[in-house]
Amino acid sequence: MLILRLVVGVLFVGHGAQKLFGLFGGGGVDATAQSFEKGGLRPGKVHAVAAGCAEFFGGLFLAAGLVTPFAAAAIIAVMVAAVVTVHWQNGLWVTQQGFEYNLVMIAAAFAVAGAGAGTWSLDGAFGLDVASAGWGVGALLVGVLGGAAAVLTGRLYGAHQDAQHHPRATPHSA
């Protein structure tokens, strides 16, 4: 469990650092915000910071094994939003820009949340009893709902902004 947590967690820290700080070849908040705007997540800057923080801190907490189901839920939420906004229309396989990678990360986060962080974790050191099928299912549900809510609010906000900036022509009576 330690190896799984470290690999997945540290990679998510890296993804978050790309979005937040422009590290590891990432574009930082502004470039991520522009990309999110194009994908329909508006306001882009809010969604970029939220996704970056979910990845960075979710990954950090997952790697450390601290409040593991909450870390897993944050990671699952970001992956669900990525599937819906970017990858779903491309099908399953990552070779076609599909959602294969995202699905693997969702499954890994779900598995860690359900099985628990293990003995070598901060959850174990602090005696936190956050390992069970219920915690795993809860992390999955919170993550799916959180990702879906991010996409829905981003698209509704965008539609509202578009309507305010480009009102429909209405017939005027003479």
Protein backbone atom coordinates (compact mmCIF):
# COMPACT_ATOMS: atom_id res chain seq x y z
CA MET A 1 0.00 0.00 0.00
CA LEU A 2 2.88 2.35 0.77
CA ILE A 3 4.27 2.03 -2.76
CA LEU A 4 0.86 2.54 -4.38
CA ARG A 5 0.18 5.60 -2.22
CA LEU A 6 3.60 7.10 -2.89
CA VAL A 7 3.56 6.60 -6.65
CA VAL A 8 0.00 7.82 -7.21
CA GLY A 9 0.20 10.55 -4.58
CA VAL A 10 3.52 12.03 -5.70
CA LEU A 11 2.43 12.00 -9.35
CA PHE A 12 -0.69 13.95 -8.40
CA VAL A 13 1.42 16.42 -6.41
CA GLY A 14 3.35 16.92 -9.65
CA HIS A 15 0.17 17.44 -11.68
CA GLY A 16 -1.04 19.98 -9.15
CA ALA A 17 2.34 21.75 -9.20
CA GLN A 18 2.08 21.99 -12.99
CA LYS A 19 -1.29 23.73 -12.69
CA LEU A 20 -0.49 25.93 -9.69
CA PHE A 21 3.19 26.82 -10.12
CA GLY A 22 4.12 25.97 -13.71
CA LEU A 23 6.58 23.30 -12.56
CA PHE A 24 7.49 20.13 -14.48
CA GLY A 25 6.55 21.64 -17.83
CA GLY A 26 3.15 22.88 -16.68
CA GLY A 27 1.69 26.20 -17.68
CA GLY A 28 0.80 27.49 -14.23
CA VAL A 29 -2.54 28.95 -13.24
CA ASP A 30 -2.96 31.32 -16.19
CA ALA A 31 -2.30 28.76 -18.94
CA THR A 32 -4.40 26.16 -17.10
CA ALA A 33 -7.20 28.71 -16.75
CA GLN A 34 -7.15 29.39 -20.49
CA SER A 35 -7.32 25.68 -21.21
CA PHE A 36 -10.19 25.23 -18.77
CA GLU A 37 -12.08 28.16 -20.32
CA LYS A 38 -11.79 26.50 -23.74
CA GLY A 39 -13.08 23.26 -22.20
CA GLY A 40 -16.12 25.02 -20.75
CA LEU A 41 -14.97 25.29 -17.12
CA ARG A 42 -15.54 28.93 -16.26
CA PRO A 43 -14.31 30.97 -14.63
CA GLY A 44 -11.14 29.25 -15.72
CA LYS A 45 -8.93 30.68 -13.01
CA VAL A 46 -11.20 29.45 -10.20
CA HIS A 47 -11.36 25.97 -11.71
CA ALA A 48 -7.60 25.91 -12.38
CA VAL A 49 -6.80 26.77 -8.76
CA ALA A 50 -9.40 24.31 -7.45
CA ALA A 51 -8.13 21.47 -9.67
CA GLY A 52 -4.51 22.29 -8.88
CA CYS A 53 -5.18 22.32 -5.14
CA ALA A 54 -7.21 19.08 -5.31
CA GLU A 55 -4.38 17.37 -7.16
CA PHE A 56 -1.54 18.88 -5.10
CA PHE A 57 -3.04 18.44 -1.64
CA GLY A 58 -4.99 15.28 -2.50
CA GLY A 59 -1.78 13.76 -3.79
CA LEU A 60 0.23 14.96 -0.80
CA PHE A 61 -2.29 13.56 1.68
CA LEU A 62 -2.59 10.30 -0.28
CA ALA A 63 1.19 9.86 -0.34
CA ALA A 64 1.37 10.54 3.40
CA GLY A 65 -1.65 8.35 4.11
CA LEU A 66 -3.42 11.14 5.97
CA VAL A 67 -7.25 11.25 5.99
CA THR A 68 -6.93 8.97 3.01
CA PRO A 69 -10.61 8.80 1.92
CA PHE A 70 -10.73 12.60 1.66
CA ALA A 71 -7.52 12.66 -0.38
CA ALA A 72 -8.96 9.94 -2.63
CA ALA A 73 -12.20 11.89 -3.09
CA ALA A 74 -10.26 14.99 -4.20
CA ILE A 75 -8.29 12.97 -6.75
CA ILE A 76 -11.41 11.19 -8.00
CA ALA A 77 -13.22 14.52 -8.42
CA VAL A 78 -10.47 15.95 -10.63
CA MET A 79 -10.33 12.78 -12.71
CA VAL A 80 -14.12 12.74 -13.19
CA ALA A 81 -14.05 16.37 -14.35
CA ALA A 82 -11.21 15.55 -16.78
CA VAL A 83 -13.12 12.58 -18.18
CA VAL A 84 -16.29 14.60 -18.72
CA THR A 85 -14.67 17.72 -20.19
CA VAL A 86 -11.77 16.29 -22.20
CA HIS A 87 -11.55 12.54 -22.62
CA TRP A 88 -15.02 10.95 -22.81
CA GLN A 89 -15.67 11.88 -26.42
CA ASN A 90 -12.38 10.22 -27.42
CA GLY A 91 -13.33 6.79 -26.10
CA LEU A 92 -11.48 4.56 -23.67
CA TRP A 93 -7.92 4.30 -24.91
CA VAL A 94 -5.32 6.88 -23.97
CA THR A 95 -3.68 6.43 -27.39
CA GLN A 96 -6.72 8.28 -28.74
CA GLN A 97 -6.74 10.81 -25.85
CA GLY A 98 -9.38 8.68 -24.11
CA PHE A 99 -10.13 8.23 -20.42
CA GLU A 100 -8.14 5.04 -19.74
CA TYR A 101 -5.53 6.79 -17.53
CA ASN A 102 -8.20 8.68 -15.60
CA LEU A 103 -10.13 5.49 -14.96
CA VAL A 104 -7.00 3.77 -13.63
CA MET A 105 -6.35 6.70 -11.27
CA ILE A 106 -9.98 6.65 -10.08
CA ALA A 107 -9.70 2.90 -9.41
CA ALA A 108 -6.40 3.32 -7.55
CA ALA A 109 -7.75 6.12 -5.35
CA PHE A 110 -10.92 4.13 -4.67
CA ALA A 111 -8.91 1.03 -3.75
CA VAL A 112 -6.66 2.91 -1.34
CA ALA A 113 -9.66 4.60 0.29
CA GLY A 114 -11.40 1.25 0.74
CA ALA A 115 -8.40 -0.77 1.88
CA GLY A 116 -6.92 1.99 3.97
CA ALA A 117 -3.53 3.65 3.87
CA GLY A 118 -1.80 0.78 5.65
CA THR A 119 0.48 0.52 8.64
CA TRP A 120 3.12 2.89 7.28
CA SER A 121 0.90 5.93 7.07
CA LEU A 122 -0.11 8.94 9.11
CA ASP A 123 -3.61 7.47 9.43
CA GLY A 124 -1.98 4.42 11.06
CA ALA A 125 0.33 6.53 13.24
CA PHE A 126 -2.58 8.67 14.47
CA GLY A 127 -4.88 5.68 14.93
CA LEU A 128 -7.44 7.00 12.43
CA ASP A 129 -9.89 4.25 11.57
CA VAL A 130 -10.74 5.33 8.02
CA ALA A 131 -10.44 2.04 6.16
CA SER A 132 -13.44 0.06 5.00
CA ALA A 133 -15.61 -0.58 2.00
CA GLY A 134 -17.86 2.20 3.28
CA TRP A 135 -15.02 4.72 3.25
CA GLY A 136 -14.08 3.60 -0.27
CA VAL A 137 -17.63 3.89 -1.59
CA GLY A 138 -18.00 7.24 0.19
CA ALA A 139 -14.80 8.57 -1.41
CA LEU A 140 -16.00 7.38 -4.81
CA LEU A 141 -19.43 8.99 -4.42
CA VAL A 142 -18.04 12.28 -3.10
CA GLY A 143 -15.45 12.33 -5.88
CA VAL A 144 -17.96 11.61 -8.65
CA LEU A 145 -20.41 14.18 -7.29
CA GLY A 146 -17.65 16.74 -6.77
CA GLY A 147 -16.29 16.31 -10.28
CA ALA A 148 -19.76 16.47 -11.79
CA ALA A 149 -20.59 19.57 -9.73
CA ALA A 150 -17.40 21.30 -10.90
CA VAL A 151 -18.29 20.64 -14.54
CA LEU A 152 -21.93 21.63 -14.09
CA THR A 153 -21.19 24.87 -12.26
CA GLY A 154 -18.43 25.76 -14.72
CA ARG A 155 -20.72 25.26 -17.69
CA LEU A 156 -23.70 27.03 -16.09
CA TYR A 157 -21.53 30.00 -15.16
CA GLY A 158 -20.17 30.10 -18.70
CA ALA A 159 -23.66 29.98 -20.21
CA HIS A 160 -24.79 32.75 -17.85
CA GLN A 161 -21.79 34.92 -18.78
CA ASP A 162 -22.39 34.32 -22.48
CA ALA A 163 -26.04 35.28 -22.14
CA GLN A 164 -25.11 38.51 -20.36
CA HIS A 165 -22.51 39.48 -22.96
CA HIS A 166 -24.51 38.40 -26.00
CA PRO A 167 -28.20 38.91 -25.22
CA ARG A 168 -30.66 37.54 -27.70
CA ALA A 169 -32.42 40.03 -29.88
CA THR A 170 -35.99 40.55 -28.76
CA PRO A 171 -38.73 41.99 -30.91
CA HIS A 172 -39.70 45.49 -29.93
CA SER A 173 -43.22 46.79 -30.33
CA ALA A 174 -43.66 50.03 -32.16
